[in-house]
Amino acid sequence: LMTTAVALLAVTDAGAPGWAPLLVLLAMSGLVL
C-alpha cells in the first residue's frame, strides 16, 4: 500500500496516467492482504 501510494503520486505528478489503473489494482491487493 505504501509503495503504490508513492508510485501513484509520482505517476500523477509526471503526467503519465496510463500507469494509474495498474497501481490502483496493486493498492487494492495490498488492502486485501
ModelCIF file with pLDDT and N, C-alpha, C, O atoms, coordinates in Angstrom:
data_MODEL
#
_entry.id   MODEL 
#
_entity.id                         1 
_entity.type                       polymer 
_entity.pdbx_number_of_molecules   1 
#
_entity_poly.entity_id                      1 
_entity_poly.type                           'polypeptide(L)' 
_entity_poly.nstd_linkage                   no 
_entity_poly.nstd_monomer                   no 
_entity_poly.pdbx_seq_one_letter_code       LMTTAVALLAVTDAGAPGWAPLLVLLAMSGLVL 
_entity_poly.pdbx_seq_one_letter_code_can   LMTTAVALLAVTDAGAPGWAPLLVLLAMSGLVL 
_entity_poly.pdbx_strand_id                 A 
#
loop_
_entity_poly_seq.entity_id 
_entity_poly_seq.num 
_entity_poly_seq.mon_id 
_entity_poly_seq.hetero 
1 1  LEU n 
1 2  MET n 
1 3  THR n 
1 4  THR n 
1 5  ALA n 
1 6  VAL n 
1 7  ALA n 
1 8  LEU n 
1 9  LEU n 
1 10 ALA n 
1 11 VAL n 
1 12 THR n 
1 13 ASP n 
1 14 ALA n 
1 15 GLY n 
1 16 ALA n 
1 17 PRO n 
1 18 GLY n 
1 19 TRP n 
1 20 ALA n 
1 21 PRO n 
1 22 LEU n 
1 23 LEU n 
1 24 VAL n 
1 25 LEU n 
1 26 LEU n 
1 27 ALA n 
1 28 MET n 
1 29 SER n 
1 30 GLY n 
1 31 LEU n 
1 32 VAL n 
1 33 LEU n 
#
_struct_asym.id          A 
_struct_asym.entity_id   1 
#
loop_
_ma_qa_metric.id 
_ma_qa_metric.mode 
_ma_qa_metric.name 
_ma_qa_metric.software_group_id 
_ma_qa_metric.type 
1 global pLDDT . pLDDT 
2 local  pLDDT . pLDDT 
#
_ma_qa_metric_global.metric_id      1 
_ma_qa_metric_global.metric_value   90.09 
_ma_qa_metric_global.model_id       1 
_ma_qa_metric_global.ordinal_id     1 
#
loop_
_ma_qa_metric_local.label_asym_id 
_ma_qa_metric_local.label_comp_id 
_ma_qa_metric_local.label_seq_id 
_ma_qa_metric_local.metric_id 
_ma_qa_metric_local.metric_value 
_ma_qa_metric_local.model_id 
_ma_qa_metric_local.ordinal_id 
A LEU 1  2 93.00 1 1  
A MET 2  2 94.00 1 2  
A THR 3  2 95.00 1 3  
A THR 4  2 94.00 1 4  
A ALA 5  2 93.00 1 5  
A VAL 6  2 94.00 1 6  
A ALA 7  2 94.00 1 7  
A LEU 8  2 92.00 1 8  
A LEU 9  2 92.00 1 9  
A ALA 10 2 92.00 1 10 
A VAL 11 2 92.00 1 11 
A THR 12 2 89.00 1 12 
A ASP 13 2 89.00 1 13 
A ALA 14 2 88.00 1 14 
A GLY 15 2 87.00 1 15 
A ALA 16 2 84.00 1 16 
A PRO 17 2 82.00 1 17 
A GLY 18 2 87.00 1 18 
A TRP 19 2 87.00 1 19 
A ALA 20 2 89.00 1 20 
A PRO 21 2 90.00 1 21 
A LEU 22 2 91.00 1 22 
A LEU 23 2 92.00 1 23 
A VAL 24 2 91.00 1 24 
A LEU 25 2 92.00 1 25 
A LEU 26 2 92.00 1 26 
A ALA 27 2 91.00 1 27 
A MET 28 2 91.00 1 28 
A SER 29 2 89.00 1 29 
A GLY 30 2 89.00 1 30 
A LEU 31 2 88.00 1 31 
A VAL 32 2 86.00 1 32 
A LEU 33 2 84.00 1 33 
#
loop_
_atom_site.group_PDB 
_atom_site.id 
_atom_site.type_symbol 
_atom_site.label_atom_id 
_atom_site.label_alt_id 
_atom_site.label_comp_id 
_atom_site.label_asym_id 
_atom_site.label_entity_id 
_atom_site.label_seq_id 
_atom_site.pdbx_PDB_ins_code 
_atom_site.Cartn_x 
_atom_site.Cartn_y 
_atom_site.Cartn_z 
_atom_site.occupancy 
_atom_site.B_iso_or_equiv 
_atom_site.pdbx_formal_charge 
_atom_site.auth_seq_id 
_atom_site.auth_comp_id 
_atom_site.auth_asym_id 
_atom_site.auth_atom_id 
_atom_site.pdbx_PDB_model_num 
ATOM 1   N N  . LEU A 1 1  ? 0.824  -1.214 0.000   1.00 93.00 ? 1  LEU A N  1 
ATOM 2   C CA . LEU A 1 1  ? 0.000  0.000  0.000   1.00 93.00 ? 1  LEU A CA 1 
ATOM 3   C C  . LEU A 1 1  ? 0.857  1.262  0.000   1.00 93.00 ? 1  LEU A C  1 
ATOM 4   O O  . LEU A 1 1  ? 0.589  2.192  -0.761  1.00 93.00 ? 1  LEU A O  1 
ATOM 5   N N  . MET A 1 2  ? 1.868  1.302  0.834   1.00 94.00 ? 2  MET A N  1 
ATOM 6   C CA . MET A 1 2  ? 2.724  2.494  0.896   1.00 94.00 ? 2  MET A CA 1 
ATOM 7   C C  . MET A 1 2  ? 3.494  2.686  -0.405  1.00 94.00 ? 2  MET A C  1 
ATOM 8   O O  . MET A 1 2  ? 3.615  3.807  -0.900  1.00 94.00 ? 2  MET A O  1 
ATOM 9   N N  . THR A 1 3  ? 4.008  1.607  -0.952  1.00 95.00 ? 3  THR A N  1 
ATOM 10  C CA . THR A 1 3  ? 4.784  1.706  -2.188  1.00 95.00 ? 3  THR A CA 1 
ATOM 11  C C  . THR A 1 3  ? 3.923  2.167  -3.348  1.00 95.00 ? 3  THR A C  1 
ATOM 12  O O  . THR A 1 3  ? 4.337  3.026  -4.126  1.00 95.00 ? 3  THR A O  1 
ATOM 13  N N  . THR A 1 4  ? 2.731  1.606  -3.473  1.00 94.00 ? 4  THR A N  1 
ATOM 14  C CA . THR A 1 4  ? 1.863  2.018  -4.582  1.00 94.00 ? 4  THR A CA 1 
ATOM 15  C C  . THR A 1 4  ? 1.353  3.442  -4.392  1.00 94.00 ? 4  THR A C  1 
ATOM 16  O O  . THR A 1 4  ? 1.117  4.145  -5.375  1.00 94.00 ? 4  THR A O  1 
ATOM 17  N N  . ALA A 1 5  ? 1.179  3.878  -3.151  1.00 93.00 ? 5  ALA A N  1 
ATOM 18  C CA . ALA A 1 5  ? 0.752  5.261  -2.930  1.00 93.00 ? 5  ALA A CA 1 
ATOM 19  C C  . ALA A 1 5  ? 1.828  6.235  -3.394  1.00 93.00 ? 5  ALA A C  1 
ATOM 20  O O  . ALA A 1 5  ? 1.526  7.249  -4.023  1.00 93.00 ? 5  ALA A O  1 
ATOM 21  N N  . VAL A 1 6  ? 3.074  5.926  -3.085  1.00 94.00 ? 6  VAL A N  1 
ATOM 22  C CA . VAL A 1 6  ? 4.178  6.781  -3.525  1.00 94.00 ? 6  VAL A CA 1 
ATOM 23  C C  . VAL A 1 6  ? 4.309  6.735  -5.045  1.00 94.00 ? 6  VAL A C  1 
ATOM 24  O O  . VAL A 1 6  ? 4.510  7.767  -5.684  1.00 94.00 ? 6  VAL A O  1 
ATOM 25  N N  . ALA A 1 7  ? 4.196  5.542  -5.620  1.00 94.00 ? 7  ALA A N  1 
ATOM 26  C CA . ALA A 1 7  ? 4.301  5.404  -7.076  1.00 94.00 ? 7  ALA A CA 1 
ATOM 27  C C  . ALA A 1 7  ? 3.144  6.110  -7.776  1.00 94.00 ? 7  ALA A C  1 
ATOM 28  O O  . ALA A 1 7  ? 3.340  6.723  -8.825  1.00 94.00 ? 7  ALA A O  1 
ATOM 29  N N  . LEU A 1 8  ? 1.945  6.033  -7.211  1.00 92.00 ? 8  LEU A N  1 
ATOM 30  C CA . LEU A 1 8  ? 0.796  6.710  -7.803  1.00 92.00 ? 8  LEU A CA 1 
ATOM 31  C C  . LEU A 1 8  ? 0.970  8.217  -7.752  1.00 92.00 ? 8  LEU A C  1 
ATOM 32  O O  . LEU A 1 8  ? 0.610  8.918  -8.697  1.00 92.00 ? 8  LEU A O  1 
ATOM 33  N N  . LEU A 1 9  ? 1.513  8.711  -6.666  1.00 92.00 ? 9  LEU A N  1 
ATOM 34  C CA . LEU A 1 9  ? 1.791  10.141 -6.566  1.00 92.00 ? 9  LEU A CA 1 
ATOM 35  C C  . LEU A 1 9  ? 2.836  10.567 -7.600  1.00 92.00 ? 9  LEU A C  1 
ATOM 36  O O  . LEU A 1 9  ? 2.696  11.613 -8.234  1.00 92.00 ? 9  LEU A O  1 
ATOM 37  N N  . ALA A 1 10 ? 3.876  9.760  -7.768  1.00 92.00 ? 10 ALA A N  1 
ATOM 38  C CA . ALA A 1 10 ? 4.909  10.075 -8.754  1.00 92.00 ? 10 ALA A CA 1 
ATOM 39  C C  . ALA A 1 10 ? 4.358  10.026 -10.171 1.00 92.00 ? 10 ALA A C  1 
ATOM 40  O O  . ALA A 1 10 ? 4.725  10.849 -11.010 1.00 92.00 ? 10 ALA A O  1 
ATOM 41  N N  . VAL A 1 11 ? 3.484  9.071  -10.442 1.00 92.00 ? 11 VAL A N  1 
ATOM 42  C CA . VAL A 1 11 ? 2.903  8.932  -11.783 1.00 92.00 ? 11 VAL A CA 1 
ATOM 43  C C  . VAL A 1 11 ? 1.988  10.110 -12.100 1.00 92.00 ? 11 VAL A C  1 
ATOM 44  O O  . VAL A 1 11 ? 2.016  10.638 -13.212 1.00 92.00 ? 11 VAL A O  1 
ATOM 45  N N  . THR A 1 12 ? 1.181  10.521 -11.129 1.00 89.00 ? 12 THR A N  1 
ATOM 46  C CA . THR A 1 12 ? 0.276  11.649 -11.396 1.00 89.00 ? 12 THR A CA 1 
ATOM 47  C C  . THR A 1 12 ? 1.051  12.956 -11.525 1.00 89.00 ? 12 THR A C  1 
ATOM 48  O O  . THR A 1 12 ? 0.667  13.825 -12.308 1.00 89.00 ? 12 THR A O  1 
ATOM 49  N N  . ASP A 1 13 ? 2.133  13.105 -10.771 1.00 89.00 ? 13 ASP A N  1 
ATOM 50  C CA . ASP A 1 13 ? 2.964  14.307 -10.909 1.00 89.00 ? 13 ASP A CA 1 
ATOM 51  C C  . ASP A 1 13 ? 3.698  14.336 -12.247 1.00 89.00 ? 13 ASP A C  1 
ATOM 52  O O  . ASP A 1 13 ? 3.909  15.406 -12.818 1.00 89.00 ? 13 ASP A O  1 
ATOM 53  N N  . ALA A 1 14 ? 4.086  13.166 -12.748 1.00 88.00 ? 14 ALA A N  1 
ATOM 54  C CA . ALA A 1 14 ? 4.819  13.092 -14.010 1.00 88.00 ? 14 ALA A CA 1 
ATOM 55  C C  . ALA A 1 14 ? 3.895  13.226 -15.219 1.00 88.00 ? 14 ALA A C  1 
ATOM 56  O O  . ALA A 1 14 ? 4.359  13.438 -16.339 1.00 88.00 ? 14 ALA A O  1 
ATOM 57  N N  . GLY A 1 15 ? 2.599  13.103 -14.993 1.00 87.00 ? 15 GLY A N  1 
ATOM 58  C CA . GLY A 1 15 ? 1.639  13.225 -16.091 1.00 87.00 ? 15 GLY A CA 1 
ATOM 59  C C  . GLY A 1 15 ? 1.546  11.981 -16.944 1.00 87.00 ? 15 GLY A C  1 
ATOM 60  O O  . GLY A 1 15 ? 1.324  12.072 -18.151 1.00 87.00 ? 15 GLY A O  1 
ATOM 61  N N  . ALA A 1 16 ? 1.714  10.808 -16.331 1.00 84.00 ? 16 ALA A N  1 
ATOM 62  C CA . ALA A 1 16 ? 1.592  9.541  -17.060 1.00 84.00 ? 16 ALA A CA 1 
ATOM 63  C C  . ALA A 1 16 ? 0.418  8.758  -16.481 1.00 84.00 ? 16 ALA A C  1 
ATOM 64  O O  . ALA A 1 16 ? 0.629  7.856  -15.669 1.00 84.00 ? 16 ALA A O  1 
ATOM 65  N N  . PRO A 1 17 ? -0.817 9.078  -16.877 1.00 82.00 ? 17 PRO A N  1 
ATOM 66  C CA . PRO A 1 17 ? -1.992 8.442  -16.272 1.00 82.00 ? 17 PRO A CA 1 
ATOM 67  C C  . PRO A 1 17 ? -2.190 6.992  -16.692 1.00 82.00 ? 17 PRO A C  1 
ATOM 68  O O  . PRO A 1 17 ? -3.058 6.316  -16.138 1.00 82.00 ? 17 PRO A O  1 
ATOM 69  N N  . GLY A 1 18 ? -1.427 6.497  -17.638 1.00 87.00 ? 18 GLY A N  1 
ATOM 70  C CA . GLY A 1 18 ? -1.587 5.114  -18.081 1.00 87.00 ? 18 GLY A CA 1 
ATOM 71  C C  . GLY A 1 18 ? -1.228 4.092  -17.014 1.00 87.00 ? 18 GLY A C  1 
ATOM 72  O O  . GLY A 1 18 ? -1.727 2.968  -17.037 1.00 87.00 ? 18 GLY A O  1 
ATOM 73  N N  . TRP A 1 19 ? -0.367 4.474  -16.084 1.00 87.00 ? 19 TRP A N  1 
ATOM 74  C CA . TRP A 1 19 ? 0.034  3.571  -15.029 1.00 87.00 ? 19 TRP A CA 1 
ATOM 75  C C  . TRP A 1 19 ? -0.937 3.550  -13.846 1.00 87.00 ? 19 TRP A C  1 
ATOM 76  O O  . TRP A 1 19 ? -0.854 2.658  -13.002 1.00 87.00 ? 19 TRP A O  1 
ATOM 77  N N  . ALA A 1 20 ? -1.838 4.501  -13.773 1.00 89.00 ? 20 ALA A N  1 
ATOM 78  C CA . ALA A 1 20 ? -2.723 4.627  -12.613 1.00 89.00 ? 20 ALA A CA 1 
ATOM 79  C C  . ALA A 1 20 ? -3.610 3.397  -12.384 1.00 89.00 ? 20 ALA A C  1 
ATOM 80  O O  . ALA A 1 20 ? -3.711 2.953  -11.240 1.00 89.00 ? 20 ALA A O  1 
ATOM 81  N N  . PRO A 1 21 ? -4.258 2.819  -13.408 1.00 90.00 ? 21 PRO A N  1 
ATOM 82  C CA . PRO A 1 21 ? -5.107 1.638  -13.136 1.00 90.00 ? 21 PRO A CA 1 
ATOM 83  C C  . PRO A 1 21 ? -4.320 0.451  -12.576 1.00 90.00 ? 21 PRO A C  1 
ATOM 84  O O  . PRO A 1 21 ? -4.801 -0.252 -11.687 1.00 90.00 ? 21 PRO A O  1 
ATOM 85  N N  . LEU A 1 22 ? -3.110 0.231  -13.098 1.00 91.00 ? 22 LEU A N  1 
ATOM 86  C CA . LEU A 1 22 ? -2.294 -0.866 -12.577 1.00 91.00 ? 22 LEU A CA 1 
ATOM 87  C C  . LEU A 1 22 ? -1.911 -0.612 -11.119 1.00 91.00 ? 22 LEU A C  1 
ATOM 88  O O  . LEU A 1 22 ? -1.946 -1.528 -10.297 1.00 91.00 ? 22 LEU A O  1 
ATOM 89  N N  . LEU A 1 23 ? -1.551 0.614  -10.805 1.00 92.00 ? 23 LEU A N  1 
ATOM 90  C CA . LEU A 1 23 ? -1.174 0.930  -9.433  1.00 92.00 ? 23 LEU A CA 1 
ATOM 91  C C  . LEU A 1 23 ? -2.359 0.852  -8.479  1.00 92.00 ? 23 LEU A C  1 
ATOM 92  O O  . LEU A 1 23 ? -2.207 0.476  -7.317  1.00 92.00 ? 23 LEU A O  1 
ATOM 93  N N  . VAL A 1 24 ? -3.535 1.210  -8.976  1.00 91.00 ? 24 VAL A N  1 
ATOM 94  C CA . VAL A 1 24 ? -4.736 1.088  -8.138  1.00 91.00 ? 24 VAL A CA 1 
ATOM 95  C C  . VAL A 1 24 ? -5.019 -0.388 -7.849  1.00 91.00 ? 24 VAL A C  1 
ATOM 96  O O  . VAL A 1 24 ? -5.401 -0.737 -6.732  1.00 91.00 ? 24 VAL A O  1 
ATOM 97  N N  . LEU A 1 25 ? -4.836 -1.249 -8.840  1.00 92.00 ? 25 LEU A N  1 
ATOM 98  C CA . LEU A 1 25 ? -5.024 -2.691 -8.607  1.00 92.00 ? 25 LEU A CA 1 
ATOM 99  C C  . LEU A 1 25 ? -3.997 -3.222 -7.602  1.00 92.00 ? 25 LEU A C  1 
ATOM 100 O O  . LEU A 1 25 ? -4.333 -4.048 -6.753  1.00 92.00 ? 25 LEU A O  1 
ATOM 101 N N  . LEU A 1 26 ? -2.770 -2.761 -7.693  1.00 92.00 ? 26 LEU A N  1 
ATOM 102 C CA . LEU A 1 26 ? -1.761 -3.168 -6.709  1.00 92.00 ? 26 LEU A CA 1 
ATOM 103 C C  . LEU A 1 26 ? -2.115 -2.679 -5.303  1.00 92.00 ? 26 LEU A C  1 
ATOM 104 O O  . LEU A 1 26 ? -1.921 -3.392 -4.319  1.00 92.00 ? 26 LEU A O  1 
ATOM 105 N N  . ALA A 1 27 ? -2.633 -1.457 -5.224  1.00 91.00 ? 27 ALA A N  1 
ATOM 106 C CA . ALA A 1 27 ? -3.045 -0.930 -3.924  1.00 91.00 ? 27 ALA A CA 1 
ATOM 107 C C  . ALA A 1 27 ? -4.209 -1.736 -3.354  1.00 91.00 ? 27 ALA A C  1 
ATOM 108 O O  . ALA A 1 27 ? -4.270 -1.974 -2.148  1.00 91.00 ? 27 ALA A O  1 
ATOM 109 N N  . MET A 1 28 ? -5.124 -2.151 -4.212  1.00 91.00 ? 28 MET A N  1 
ATOM 110 C CA . MET A 1 28 ? -6.256 -2.963 -3.744  1.00 91.00 ? 28 MET A CA 1 
ATOM 111 C C  . MET A 1 28 ? -5.785 -4.336 -3.254  1.00 91.00 ? 28 MET A C  1 
ATOM 112 O O  . MET A 1 28 ? -6.313 -4.865 -2.277  1.00 91.00 ? 28 MET A O  1 
ATOM 113 N N  . SER A 1 29 ? -4.794 -4.906 -3.933  1.00 89.00 ? 29 SER A N  1 
ATOM 114 C CA . SER A 1 29 ? -4.259 -6.189 -3.460  1.00 89.00 ? 29 SER A CA 1 
ATOM 115 C C  . SER A 1 29 ? -3.550 -6.014 -2.118  1.00 89.00 ? 29 SER A C  1 
ATOM 116 O O  . SER A 1 29 ? -3.602 -6.906 -1.271  1.00 89.00 ? 29 SER A O  1 
ATOM 117 N N  . GLY A 1 30 ? -2.892 -4.878 -1.917  1.00 89.00 ? 30 GLY A N  1 
ATOM 118 C CA . GLY A 1 30 ? -2.292 -4.597 -0.616  1.00 89.00 ? 30 GLY A CA 1 
ATOM 119 C C  . GLY A 1 30 ? -3.354 -4.441 0.461   1.00 89.00 ? 30 GLY A C  1 
ATOM 120 O O  . GLY A 1 30 ? -3.154 -4.860 1.601   1.00 89.00 ? 30 GLY A O  1 
ATOM 121 N N  . LEU A 1 31 ? -4.470 -3.846 0.107   1.00 88.00 ? 31 LEU A N  1 
ATOM 122 C CA . LEU A 1 31 ? -5.573 -3.692 1.056   1.00 88.00 ? 31 LEU A CA 1 
ATOM 123 C C  . LEU A 1 31 ? -6.168 -5.048 1.425   1.00 88.00 ? 31 LEU A C  1 
ATOM 124 O O  . LEU A 1 31 ? -6.522 -5.285 2.579   1.00 88.00 ? 31 LEU A O  1 
ATOM 125 N N  . VAL A 1 32 ? -6.273 -5.929 0.443   1.00 86.00 ? 32 VAL A N  1 
ATOM 126 C CA . VAL A 1 32 ? -6.784 -7.279 0.716   1.00 86.00 ? 32 VAL A CA 1 
ATOM 127 C C  . VAL A 1 32 ? -5.829 -8.028 1.643   1.00 86.00 ? 32 VAL A C  1 
ATOM 128 O O  . VAL A 1 32 ? -6.272 -8.730 2.552   1.00 86.00 ? 32 VAL A O  1 
ATOM 129 N N  . LEU A 1 33 ? -4.533 -7.883 1.420   1.00 84.00 ? 33 LEU A N  1 
ATOM 130 C CA . LEU A 1 33 ? -3.565 -8.544 2.303   1.00 84.00 ? 33 LEU A CA 1 
ATOM 131 C C  . LEU A 1 33 ? -3.583 -7.964 3.712   1.00 84.00 ? 33 LEU A C  1 
ATOM 132 O O  . LEU A 1 33 ? -2.827 -8.412 4.574   1.00 84.00 ? 33 LEU A O  1 
#
